[in-house]
All heavy atoms as atom14 arrays in JSON, in Angstrom:
{
  "sequence": "GAIMVLVSKNPVHSVLWLVVVFFAISGHYILLNAQFLAIVNLIVYAGA",
  "atom14_mask": [
    [1, 1, 1, 1, 0, 0, 0, 0, 0, 0, 0, 0, 0, 0],
    [1, 1, 1, 1, 1, 0, 0, 0, 0, 0, 0, 0, 0, 0],
    [1, 1, 1, 1, 1, 1, 1, 1, 0, 0, 0, 0, 0, 0],
    [1, 1, 1, 1, 1, 1, 1, 1, 0, 0, 0, 0, 0, 0],
    [1, 1, 1, 1, 1, 1, 1, 0, 0, 0, 0, 0, 0, 0],
    [1, 1, 1, 1, 1, 1, 1, 1, 0, 0, 0, 0, 0, 0],
    [1, 1, 1, 1, 1, 1, 1, 0, 0, 0, 0, 0, 0, 0],
    [1, 1, 1, 1, 1, 1, 0, 0, 0, 0, 0, 0, 0, 0],
    [1, 1, 1, 1, 1, 1, 1, 1, 1, 0, 0, 0, 0, 0],
    [1, 1, 1, 1, 1, 1, 1, 1, 0, 0, 0, 0, 0, 0],
    [1, 1, 1, 1, 1, 1, 1, 0, 0, 0, 0, 0, 0, 0],
    [1, 1, 1, 1, 1, 1, 1, 0, 0, 0, 0, 0, 0, 0],
    [1, 1, 1, 1, 1, 1, 1, 1, 1, 1, 0, 0, 0, 0],
    [1, 1, 1, 1, 1, 1, 0, 0, 0, 0, 0, 0, 0, 0],
    [1, 1, 1, 1, 1, 1, 1, 0, 0, 0, 0, 0, 0, 0],
    [1, 1, 1, 1, 1, 1, 1, 1, 0, 0, 0, 0, 0, 0],
    [1, 1, 1, 1, 1, 1, 1, 1, 1, 1, 1, 1, 1, 1],
    [1, 1, 1, 1, 1, 1, 1, 1, 0, 0, 0, 0, 0, 0],
    [1, 1, 1, 1, 1, 1, 1, 0, 0, 0, 0, 0, 0, 0],
    [1, 1, 1, 1, 1, 1, 1, 0, 0, 0, 0, 0, 0, 0],
    [1, 1, 1, 1, 1, 1, 1, 0, 0, 0, 0, 0, 0, 0],
    [1, 1, 1, 1, 1, 1, 1, 1, 1, 1, 1, 0, 0, 0],
    [1, 1, 1, 1, 1, 1, 1, 1, 1, 1, 1, 0, 0, 0],
    [1, 1, 1, 1, 1, 0, 0, 0, 0, 0, 0, 0, 0, 0],
    [1, 1, 1, 1, 1, 1, 1, 1, 0, 0, 0, 0, 0, 0],
    [1, 1, 1, 1, 1, 1, 0, 0, 0, 0, 0, 0, 0, 0],
    [1, 1, 1, 1, 0, 0, 0, 0, 0, 0, 0, 0, 0, 0],
    [1, 1, 1, 1, 1, 1, 1, 1, 1, 1, 0, 0, 0, 0],
    [1, 1, 1, 1, 1, 1, 1, 1, 1, 1, 1, 1, 0, 0],
    [1, 1, 1, 1, 1, 1, 1, 1, 0, 0, 0, 0, 0, 0],
    [1, 1, 1, 1, 1, 1, 1, 1, 0, 0, 0, 0, 0, 0],
    [1, 1, 1, 1, 1, 1, 1, 1, 0, 0, 0, 0, 0, 0],
    [1, 1, 1, 1, 1, 1, 1, 1, 0, 0, 0, 0, 0, 0],
    [1, 1, 1, 1, 1, 0, 0, 0, 0, 0, 0, 0, 0, 0],
    [1, 1, 1, 1, 1, 1, 1, 1, 1, 0, 0, 0, 0, 0],
    [1, 1, 1, 1, 1, 1, 1, 1, 1, 1, 1, 0, 0, 0],
    [1, 1, 1, 1, 1, 1, 1, 1, 0, 0, 0, 0, 0, 0],
    [1, 1, 1, 1, 1, 0, 0, 0, 0, 0, 0, 0, 0, 0],
    [1, 1, 1, 1, 1, 1, 1, 1, 0, 0, 0, 0, 0, 0],
    [1, 1, 1, 1, 1, 1, 1, 0, 0, 0, 0, 0, 0, 0],
    [1, 1, 1, 1, 1, 1, 1, 1, 0, 0, 0, 0, 0, 0],
    [1, 1, 1, 1, 1, 1, 1, 1, 0, 0, 0, 0, 0, 0],
    [1, 1, 1, 1, 1, 1, 1, 1, 0, 0, 0, 0, 0, 0],
    [1, 1, 1, 1, 1, 1, 1, 0, 0, 0, 0, 0, 0, 0],
    [1, 1, 1, 1, 1, 1, 1, 1, 1, 1, 1, 1, 0, 0],
    [1, 1, 1, 1, 1, 0, 0, 0, 0, 0, 0, 0, 0, 0],
    [1, 1, 1, 1, 0, 0, 0, 0, 0, 0, 0, 0, 0, 0],
    [1, 1, 1, 1, 1, 0, 0, 0, 0, 0, 0, 0, 0, 0]
  ],
  "atom14_positions": [
    [[-41.4, 109.83, 148.67], [-40.06, 109.96, 148.88], [-39.26, 109.24, 147.85], [-38.23, 109.78, 147.33], [0.0, 0.0, 0.0], [0.0, 0.0, 0.0], [0.0, 0.0, 0.0], [0.0, 0.0, 0.0], [0.0, 0.0, 0.0], [0.0, 0.0, 0.0], [0.0, 0.0, 0.0], [0.0, 0.0, 0.0], [0.0, 0.0, 0.0], [0.0, 0.0, 0.0]],
    [[-39.68, 108.06, 147.42], [-38.93, 107.29, 146.4], [-38.97, 107.98, 145.01], [-38.08, 108.12, 144.29], [-39.57, 105.91, 146.24], [0.0, 0.0, 0.0], [0.0, 0.0, 0.0], [0.0, 0.0, 0.0], [0.0, 0.0, 0.0], [0.0, 0.0, 0.0], [0.0, 0.0, 0.0], [0.0, 0.0, 0.0], [0.0, 0.0, 0.0], [0.0, 0.0, 0.0]],
    [[-40.23, 108.67, 144.77], [-40.36, 109.38, 143.48], [-39.33, 110.62, 143.53], [-38.62, 110.93, 142.54], [-41.76, 109.78, 143.26], [-42.65, 108.58, 142.94], [-41.84, 110.88, 142.17], [-44.06, 108.8, 142.9], [0.0, 0.0, 0.0], [0.0, 0.0, 0.0], [0.0, 0.0, 0.0], [0.0, 0.0, 0.0], [0.0, 0.0, 0.0], [0.0, 0.0, 0.0]],
    [[-39.28, 111.23, 144.69], [-38.46, 112.37, 144.8], [-36.92, 112.05, 144.76], [-36.15, 112.83, 144.24], [-38.61, 113.1, 146.14], [-39.99, 113.9, 146.16], [-40.19, 115.08, 144.84], [-38.95, 116.28, 145.19], [0.0, 0.0, 0.0], [0.0, 0.0, 0.0], [0.0, 0.0, 0.0], [0.0, 0.0, 0.0], [0.0, 0.0, 0.0], [0.0, 0.0, 0.0]],
    [[-36.57, 110.84, 145.13], [-35.19, 110.29, 144.99], [-34.79, 110.26, 143.49], [-33.77, 110.71, 143.07], [-34.99, 108.85, 145.64], [-33.67, 108.27, 145.16], [-35.03, 109.02, 147.1], [0.0, 0.0, 0.0], [0.0, 0.0, 0.0], [0.0, 0.0, 0.0], [0.0, 0.0, 0.0], [0.0, 0.0, 0.0], [0.0, 0.0, 0.0], [0.0, 0.0, 0.0]],
    [[-35.8, 109.83, 142.71], [-35.58, 109.72, 141.26], [-35.65, 111.14, 140.53], [-34.98, 111.29, 139.57], [-36.61, 108.78, 140.59], [-36.54, 107.39, 141.12], [-37.64, 106.57, 140.53], [-35.21, 106.69, 140.79], [0.0, 0.0, 0.0], [0.0, 0.0, 0.0], [0.0, 0.0, 0.0], [0.0, 0.0, 0.0], [0.0, 0.0, 0.0], [0.0, 0.0, 0.0]],
    [[-36.5, 112.0, 141.03], [-36.71, 113.2, 140.3], [-35.65, 114.38, 140.63], [-35.33, 115.17, 139.85], [-38.15, 113.73, 140.61], [-38.46, 115.09, 140.11], [-39.15, 112.75, 140.0], [0.0, 0.0, 0.0], [0.0, 0.0, 0.0], [0.0, 0.0, 0.0], [0.0, 0.0, 0.0], [0.0, 0.0, 0.0], [0.0, 0.0, 0.0], [0.0, 0.0, 0.0]],
    [[-35.15, 114.24, 141.91], [-34.23, 115.27, 142.34], [-32.98, 115.38, 141.42], [-32.33, 114.4, 141.06], [-33.74, 114.99, 143.82], [-34.82, 115.06, 144.63], [0.0, 0.0, 0.0], [0.0, 0.0, 0.0], [0.0, 0.0, 0.0], [0.0, 0.0, 0.0], [0.0, 0.0, 0.0], [0.0, 0.0, 0.0], [0.0, 0.0, 0.0], [0.0, 0.0, 0.0]],
    [[-32.68, 116.64, 141.12], [-31.43, 116.86, 140.26], [-30.14, 116.79, 141.08], [-29.13, 116.4, 140.6], [-31.61, 118.19, 139.65], [-32.83, 118.3, 138.75], [-32.4, 117.98, 137.36], [-33.57, 118.26, 136.45], [-33.84, 117.27, 135.43], [0.0, 0.0, 0.0], [0.0, 0.0, 0.0], [0.0, 0.0, 0.0], [0.0, 0.0, 0.0], [0.0, 0.0, 0.0]],
    [[-30.29, 117.26, 142.34], [-29.09, 117.31, 143.2], [-28.9, 115.98, 143.93], [-29.93, 115.49, 144.54], [-29.3, 118.39, 144.27], [-28.03, 118.73, 145.06], [-27.07, 117.89, 145.07], [-28.05, 119.8, 145.7], [0.0, 0.0, 0.0], [0.0, 0.0, 0.0], [0.0, 0.0, 0.0], [0.0, 0.0, 0.0], [0.0, 0.0, 0.0], [0.0, 0.0, 0.0]],
    [[-27.72, 115.28, 143.8], [-27.57, 113.98, 144.41], [-27.75, 114.02, 145.93], [-28.19, 112.99, 146.6], [-26.12, 113.6, 144.11], [-25.75, 114.48, 142.94], [-26.61, 115.71, 143.01], [0.0, 0.0, 0.0], [0.0, 0.0, 0.0], [0.0, 0.0, 0.0], [0.0, 0.0, 0.0], [0.0, 0.0, 0.0], [0.0, 0.0, 0.0], [0.0, 0.0, 0.0]],
    [[-27.3, 115.08, 146.61], [-27.45, 115.16, 148.07], [-28.94, 115.19, 148.48], [-29.3, 114.62, 149.48], [-26.74, 116.41, 148.6], [-26.93, 116.58, 150.08], [-25.25, 116.31, 148.34], [0.0, 0.0, 0.0], [0.0, 0.0, 0.0], [0.0, 0.0, 0.0], [0.0, 0.0, 0.0], [0.0, 0.0, 0.0], [0.0, 0.0, 0.0], [0.0, 0.0, 0.0]],
    [[-29.76, 115.88, 147.61], [-31.19, 115.94, 147.95], [-31.81, 114.5, 147.76], [-32.68, 114.13, 148.53], [-31.87, 116.94, 146.99], [-31.53, 118.32, 147.41], [-31.8, 119.45, 146.47], [-31.0, 118.9, 148.41], [-31.37, 120.46, 147.04], [-30.93, 120.25, 148.24], [0.0, 0.0, 0.0], [0.0, 0.0, 0.0], [0.0, 0.0, 0.0], [0.0, 0.0, 0.0]],
    [[-31.3, 113.76, 146.8], [-31.8, 112.38, 146.5], [-31.48, 111.55, 147.77], [-32.29, 110.76, 148.17], [-31.13, 111.8, 145.34], [-31.55, 112.4, 144.13], [0.0, 0.0, 0.0], [0.0, 0.0, 0.0], [0.0, 0.0, 0.0], [0.0, 0.0, 0.0], [0.0, 0.0, 0.0], [0.0, 0.0, 0.0], [0.0, 0.0, 0.0], [0.0, 0.0, 0.0]],
    [[-30.31, 111.67, 148.32], [-29.89, 110.88, 149.51], [-30.8, 111.26, 150.73], [-31.23, 110.48, 151.47], [-28.47, 111.09, 149.84], [-28.1, 110.57, 151.19], [-27.6, 110.51, 148.72], [0.0, 0.0, 0.0], [0.0, 0.0, 0.0], [0.0, 0.0, 0.0], [0.0, 0.0, 0.0], [0.0, 0.0, 0.0], [0.0, 0.0, 0.0], [0.0, 0.0, 0.0]],
    [[-31.11, 112.61, 150.82], [-31.92, 112.99, 151.95], [-33.35, 112.51, 151.74], [-34.0, 112.05, 152.69], [-31.99, 114.53, 152.07], [-30.62, 115.15, 152.57], [-30.66, 116.6, 152.46], [-30.21, 114.58, 153.87], [0.0, 0.0, 0.0], [0.0, 0.0, 0.0], [0.0, 0.0, 0.0], [0.0, 0.0, 0.0], [0.0, 0.0, 0.0], [0.0, 0.0, 0.0]],
    [[-33.91, 112.45, 150.54], [-35.22, 111.79, 150.36], [-35.15, 110.37, 150.54], [-36.2, 109.77, 151.08], [-35.68, 112.13, 148.84], [-36.28, 113.5, 148.72], [-35.64, 114.55, 147.98], [-37.5, 113.99, 149.28], [-36.51, 115.63, 148.14], [-37.6, 115.36, 148.93], [-38.45, 113.4, 150.09], [-38.73, 116.01, 149.31], [-39.6, 114.23, 150.45], [-39.66, 115.49, 150.03]],
    [[-34.03, 109.73, 150.31], [-33.87, 108.31, 150.57], [-33.97, 108.05, 152.12], [-34.57, 106.98, 152.58], [-32.67, 107.75, 149.98], [-32.53, 106.21, 149.94], [-33.66, 105.57, 149.14], [-31.16, 105.82, 149.34], [0.0, 0.0, 0.0], [0.0, 0.0, 0.0], [0.0, 0.0, 0.0], [0.0, 0.0, 0.0], [0.0, 0.0, 0.0], [0.0, 0.0, 0.0]],
    [[-33.51, 108.93, 152.88], [-33.52, 108.87, 154.29], [-35.02, 108.93, 154.69], [-35.39, 108.15, 155.64], [-32.76, 109.96, 154.99], [-32.92, 110.02, 156.48], [-31.25, 109.69, 154.8], [0.0, 0.0, 0.0], [0.0, 0.0, 0.0], [0.0, 0.0, 0.0], [0.0, 0.0, 0.0], [0.0, 0.0, 0.0], [0.0, 0.0, 0.0], [0.0, 0.0, 0.0]],
    [[-35.83, 109.79, 154.12], [-37.3, 109.8, 154.4], [-37.96, 108.51, 154.05], [-38.81, 107.95, 154.85], [-37.94, 111.01, 153.6], [-39.36, 110.95, 153.65], [-37.38, 112.36, 154.07], [0.0, 0.0, 0.0], [0.0, 0.0, 0.0], [0.0, 0.0, 0.0], [0.0, 0.0, 0.0], [0.0, 0.0, 0.0], [0.0, 0.0, 0.0], [0.0, 0.0, 0.0]],
    [[-37.48, 107.88, 153.0], [-38.09, 106.63, 152.6], [-37.76, 105.52, 153.71], [-38.53, 104.71, 154.09], [-37.57, 106.17, 151.28], [-38.04, 104.73, 150.93], [-38.07, 107.03, 150.08], [0.0, 0.0, 0.0], [0.0, 0.0, 0.0], [0.0, 0.0, 0.0], [0.0, 0.0, 0.0], [0.0, 0.0, 0.0], [0.0, 0.0, 0.0], [0.0, 0.0, 0.0]],
    [[-36.52, 105.54, 154.16], [-36.05, 104.61, 155.27], [-36.9, 104.89, 156.54], [-37.13, 103.87, 157.25], [-34.58, 104.71, 155.5], [-33.78, 104.08, 154.43], [-32.56, 104.53, 154.08], [-34.16, 102.93, 153.74], [-31.81, 104.05, 153.08], [-33.46, 102.42, 152.75], [-32.2, 102.92, 152.45], [0.0, 0.0, 0.0], [0.0, 0.0, 0.0], [0.0, 0.0, 0.0]],
    [[-37.15, 106.1, 156.92], [-37.94, 106.33, 158.14], [-39.33, 105.85, 157.92], [-39.96, 105.21, 158.91], [-38.03, 107.85, 158.46], [-36.92, 108.41, 159.24], [-35.7, 108.91, 158.76], [-37.0, 108.18, 160.68], [-34.69, 109.32, 159.51], [-35.94, 108.58, 161.48], [-34.83, 109.16, 160.91], [0.0, 0.0, 0.0], [0.0, 0.0, 0.0], [0.0, 0.0, 0.0]],
    [[-40.04, 105.96, 156.66], [-41.3, 105.44, 156.48], [-41.31, 103.97, 156.51], [-42.27, 103.26, 157.05], [-41.75, 105.94, 155.05], [0.0, 0.0, 0.0], [0.0, 0.0, 0.0], [0.0, 0.0, 0.0], [0.0, 0.0, 0.0], [0.0, 0.0, 0.0], [0.0, 0.0, 0.0], [0.0, 0.0, 0.0], [0.0, 0.0, 0.0], [0.0, 0.0, 0.0]],
    [[-40.22, 103.3, 156.0], [-40.11, 101.86, 156.05], [-40.02, 101.42, 157.56], [-40.55, 100.34, 158.0], [-38.98, 101.29, 155.14], [-39.32, 101.55, 153.72], [-38.69, 99.89, 155.48], [-38.27, 101.23, 152.77], [0.0, 0.0, 0.0], [0.0, 0.0, 0.0], [0.0, 0.0, 0.0], [0.0, 0.0, 0.0], [0.0, 0.0, 0.0], [0.0, 0.0, 0.0]],
    [[-39.31, 102.12, 158.34], [-39.18, 101.81, 159.74], [-40.42, 101.91, 160.51], [-40.75, 101.11, 161.33], [-38.15, 102.64, 160.43], [-36.84, 102.39, 159.9], [0.0, 0.0, 0.0], [0.0, 0.0, 0.0], [0.0, 0.0, 0.0], [0.0, 0.0, 0.0], [0.0, 0.0, 0.0], [0.0, 0.0, 0.0], [0.0, 0.0, 0.0], [0.0, 0.0, 0.0]],
    [[-41.32, 102.93, 160.1], [-42.68, 103.05, 160.58], [-43.58, 101.79, 160.26], [-44.3, 101.27, 161.06], [0.0, 0.0, 0.0], [0.0, 0.0, 0.0], [0.0, 0.0, 0.0], [0.0, 0.0, 0.0], [0.0, 0.0, 0.0], [0.0, 0.0, 0.0], [0.0, 0.0, 0.0], [0.0, 0.0, 0.0], [0.0, 0.0, 0.0], [0.0, 0.0, 0.0]],
    [[-43.3, 101.28, 159.01], [-44.01, 100.03, 158.7], [-43.62, 98.82, 159.5], [-44.38, 97.99, 159.96], [-43.79, 99.76, 157.13], [-44.65, 100.44, 156.18], [-44.21, 101.41, 155.41], [-46.0, 100.38, 156.03], [-45.19, 101.87, 154.7], [-46.3, 101.37, 155.09], [0.0, 0.0, 0.0], [0.0, 0.0, 0.0], [0.0, 0.0, 0.0], [0.0, 0.0, 0.0]],
    [[-42.22, 98.78, 159.83], [-41.79, 97.66, 160.67], [-42.41, 97.75, 161.96], [-42.75, 96.68, 162.56], [-40.27, 97.72, 160.78], [-39.55, 97.24, 159.55], [-38.3, 97.85, 159.19], [-40.03, 96.19, 158.77], [-37.65, 97.36, 158.13], [-39.34, 95.76, 157.65], [-38.1, 96.33, 157.29], [-37.43, 95.84, 156.28], [0.0, 0.0, 0.0], [0.0, 0.0, 0.0]],
    [[-42.54, 98.91, 162.49], [-43.16, 99.12, 163.83], [-44.62, 98.71, 163.79], [-45.09, 98.01, 164.77], [-43.03, 100.51, 164.36], [-41.56, 100.82, 164.68], [-43.92, 100.87, 165.58], [-41.29, 102.3, 165.03], [0.0, 0.0, 0.0], [0.0, 0.0, 0.0], [0.0, 0.0, 0.0], [0.0, 0.0, 0.0], [0.0, 0.0, 0.0], [0.0, 0.0, 0.0]],
    [[-45.31, 99.08, 162.71], [-46.73, 98.55, 162.59], [-46.84, 97.04, 162.51], [-47.86, 96.39, 162.88], [-47.36, 99.29, 161.4], [-47.76, 100.67, 161.51], [-48.23, 101.15, 160.1], [-48.7, 100.98, 162.65], [0.0, 0.0, 0.0], [0.0, 0.0, 0.0], [0.0, 0.0, 0.0], [0.0, 0.0, 0.0], [0.0, 0.0, 0.0], [0.0, 0.0, 0.0]],
    [[-45.69, 96.38, 162.06], [-45.7, 94.91, 161.96], [-45.24, 94.21, 163.23], [-44.97, 93.0, 163.19], [-44.92, 94.53, 160.7], [-45.56, 94.84, 159.38], [-44.49, 94.48, 158.32], [-46.75, 94.01, 159.09], [0.0, 0.0, 0.0], [0.0, 0.0, 0.0], [0.0, 0.0, 0.0], [0.0, 0.0, 0.0], [0.0, 0.0, 0.0], [0.0, 0.0, 0.0]],
    [[-44.99, 95.1, 164.24], [-44.51, 94.54, 165.5], [-43.07, 93.97, 165.37], [-42.69, 92.98, 165.99], [-45.45, 93.47, 166.12], [-45.25, 93.24, 167.55], [-44.59, 94.12, 168.23], [-45.56, 92.08, 168.03], [0.0, 0.0, 0.0], [0.0, 0.0, 0.0], [0.0, 0.0, 0.0], [0.0, 0.0, 0.0], [0.0, 0.0, 0.0], [0.0, 0.0, 0.0]],
    [[-42.33, 94.65, 164.51], [-40.88, 94.26, 164.31], [-39.96, 95.41, 164.76], [-39.34, 96.1, 163.98], [-40.62, 93.89, 162.85], [0.0, 0.0, 0.0], [0.0, 0.0, 0.0], [0.0, 0.0, 0.0], [0.0, 0.0, 0.0], [0.0, 0.0, 0.0], [0.0, 0.0, 0.0], [0.0, 0.0, 0.0], [0.0, 0.0, 0.0], [0.0, 0.0, 0.0]],
    [[-39.93, 95.69, 166.08], [-39.31, 96.87, 166.55], [-37.79, 96.86, 166.39], [-37.2, 97.82, 166.02], [-39.57, 97.05, 168.09], [-41.03, 97.39, 168.4], [-41.9, 96.13, 168.48], [-41.4, 95.06, 168.51], [-43.25, 96.34, 168.65], [0.0, 0.0, 0.0], [0.0, 0.0, 0.0], [0.0, 0.0, 0.0], [0.0, 0.0, 0.0], [0.0, 0.0, 0.0]],
    [[-37.24, 95.63, 166.43], [-35.87, 95.38, 166.29], [-35.42, 95.8, 164.86], [-34.5, 96.48, 164.69], [-35.41, 94.02, 166.65], [-33.95, 93.73, 166.43], [-32.97, 94.3, 167.21], [-33.54, 92.98, 165.39], [-31.65, 94.04, 167.02], [-32.21, 92.69, 165.17], [-31.23, 93.31, 165.91], [0.0, 0.0, 0.0], [0.0, 0.0, 0.0], [0.0, 0.0, 0.0]],
    [[-36.31, 95.24, 163.92], [-35.91, 95.58, 162.47], [-36.05, 97.16, 162.16], [-35.31, 97.69, 161.44], [-36.84, 94.89, 161.61], [-36.59, 93.36, 161.39], [-37.53, 92.8, 160.49], [-35.15, 93.08, 160.89], [0.0, 0.0, 0.0], [0.0, 0.0, 0.0], [0.0, 0.0, 0.0], [0.0, 0.0, 0.0], [0.0, 0.0, 0.0], [0.0, 0.0, 0.0]],
    [[-36.97, 97.75, 162.86], [-37.15, 99.22, 162.62], [-35.93, 99.95, 163.22], [-35.42, 100.8, 162.54], [-38.45, 99.63, 163.4], [0.0, 0.0, 0.0], [0.0, 0.0, 0.0], [0.0, 0.0, 0.0], [0.0, 0.0, 0.0], [0.0, 0.0, 0.0], [0.0, 0.0, 0.0], [0.0, 0.0, 0.0], [0.0, 0.0, 0.0], [0.0, 0.0, 0.0]],
    [[-35.49, 99.55, 164.35], [-34.33, 100.36, 164.91], [-33.04, 100.02, 164.02], [-32.23, 100.92, 163.82], [-34.07, 99.95, 166.35], [-35.35, 100.37, 167.24], [-32.85, 100.45, 166.94], [-35.51, 101.94, 167.11], [0.0, 0.0, 0.0], [0.0, 0.0, 0.0], [0.0, 0.0, 0.0], [0.0, 0.0, 0.0], [0.0, 0.0, 0.0], [0.0, 0.0, 0.0]],
    [[-32.9, 98.82, 163.7], [-31.69, 98.38, 162.91], [-31.79, 99.08, 161.49], [-30.78, 99.57, 161.03], [-31.64, 96.93, 162.68], [-30.67, 96.53, 161.64], [-31.3, 96.23, 164.06], [0.0, 0.0, 0.0], [0.0, 0.0, 0.0], [0.0, 0.0, 0.0], [0.0, 0.0, 0.0], [0.0, 0.0, 0.0], [0.0, 0.0, 0.0], [0.0, 0.0, 0.0]],
    [[-33.03, 99.18, 161.01], [-33.13, 99.98, 159.67], [-32.69, 101.38, 159.82], [-31.99, 101.94, 158.98], [-34.63, 99.84, 159.11], [-34.68, 100.39, 157.84], [-33.9, 100.31, 156.96], [-35.93, 101.05, 157.61], [0.0, 0.0, 0.0], [0.0, 0.0, 0.0], [0.0, 0.0, 0.0], [0.0, 0.0, 0.0], [0.0, 0.0, 0.0], [0.0, 0.0, 0.0]],
    [[-33.19, 102.02, 160.9], [-32.8, 103.39, 161.14], [-31.17, 103.58, 161.34], [-30.64, 104.55, 160.78], [-33.55, 103.99, 162.27], [-35.01, 104.33, 162.09], [-35.6, 104.83, 163.31], [-35.07, 105.3, 160.92], [0.0, 0.0, 0.0], [0.0, 0.0, 0.0], [0.0, 0.0, 0.0], [0.0, 0.0, 0.0], [0.0, 0.0, 0.0], [0.0, 0.0, 0.0]],
    [[-30.6, 102.65, 162.14], [-29.28, 102.78, 162.52], [-28.39, 102.43, 161.27], [-27.45, 103.18, 160.92], [-28.89, 101.82, 163.71], [-29.51, 102.45, 164.96], [-27.43, 101.88, 163.87], [-29.48, 101.58, 166.24], [0.0, 0.0, 0.0], [0.0, 0.0, 0.0], [0.0, 0.0, 0.0], [0.0, 0.0, 0.0], [0.0, 0.0, 0.0], [0.0, 0.0, 0.0]],
    [[-28.66, 101.32, 160.68], [-27.8, 100.86, 159.64], [-28.03, 101.61, 158.34], [-27.15, 102.19, 157.77], [-28.0, 99.34, 159.43], [-27.19, 98.88, 158.14], [-27.54, 98.55, 160.53], [0.0, 0.0, 0.0], [0.0, 0.0, 0.0], [0.0, 0.0, 0.0], [0.0, 0.0, 0.0], [0.0, 0.0, 0.0], [0.0, 0.0, 0.0], [0.0, 0.0, 0.0]],
    [[-29.28, 101.69, 157.89], [-29.49, 102.29, 156.52], [-29.54, 103.85, 156.62], [-28.9, 104.48, 155.87], [-30.81, 101.66, 155.94], [-30.59, 100.31, 155.47], [-31.17, 99.21, 156.13], [-29.79, 100.06, 154.33], [-30.91, 97.97, 155.66], [-29.6, 98.75, 153.89], [-30.13, 97.71, 154.55], [-29.91, 96.44, 154.16], [0.0, 0.0, 0.0], [0.0, 0.0, 0.0]],
    [[-30.44, 104.41, 157.47], [-30.61, 105.83, 157.56], [-29.38, 106.45, 158.12], [-29.15, 107.58, 157.87], [-31.86, 106.18, 158.35], [0.0, 0.0, 0.0], [0.0, 0.0, 0.0], [0.0, 0.0, 0.0], [0.0, 0.0, 0.0], [0.0, 0.0, 0.0], [0.0, 0.0, 0.0], [0.0, 0.0, 0.0], [0.0, 0.0, 0.0], [0.0, 0.0, 0.0]],
    [[-28.66, 105.69, 158.92], [-27.48, 106.24, 159.51], [-26.15, 105.95, 158.75], [-25.66, 106.77, 158.06], [0.0, 0.0, 0.0], [0.0, 0.0, 0.0], [0.0, 0.0, 0.0], [0.0, 0.0, 0.0], [0.0, 0.0, 0.0], [0.0, 0.0, 0.0], [0.0, 0.0, 0.0], [0.0, 0.0, 0.0], [0.0, 0.0, 0.0], [0.0, 0.0, 0.0]],
    [[-25.73, 104.72, 158.8], [-24.42, 104.39, 158.21], [-24.4, 104.36, 156.79], [-23.51, 104.95, 156.2], [-24.0, 103.03, 158.82], [0.0, 0.0, 0.0], [0.0, 0.0, 0.0], [0.0, 0.0, 0.0], [0.0, 0.0, 0.0], [0.0, 0.0, 0.0], [0.0, 0.0, 0.0], [0.0, 0.0, 0.0], [0.0, 0.0, 0.0], [0.0, 0.0, 0.0]]
  ]
}
């Protein structure tokens, strides 16, 4: 997803790939038993 953010020609597509990266990072937070950080990452970064 991070590579696609850099490679995408369309800025909107880059933002959408960045949302995919944020979802993957939230999955890592859940694996680390940091559920609060996962939800905050989704709400703040992937959302706002």
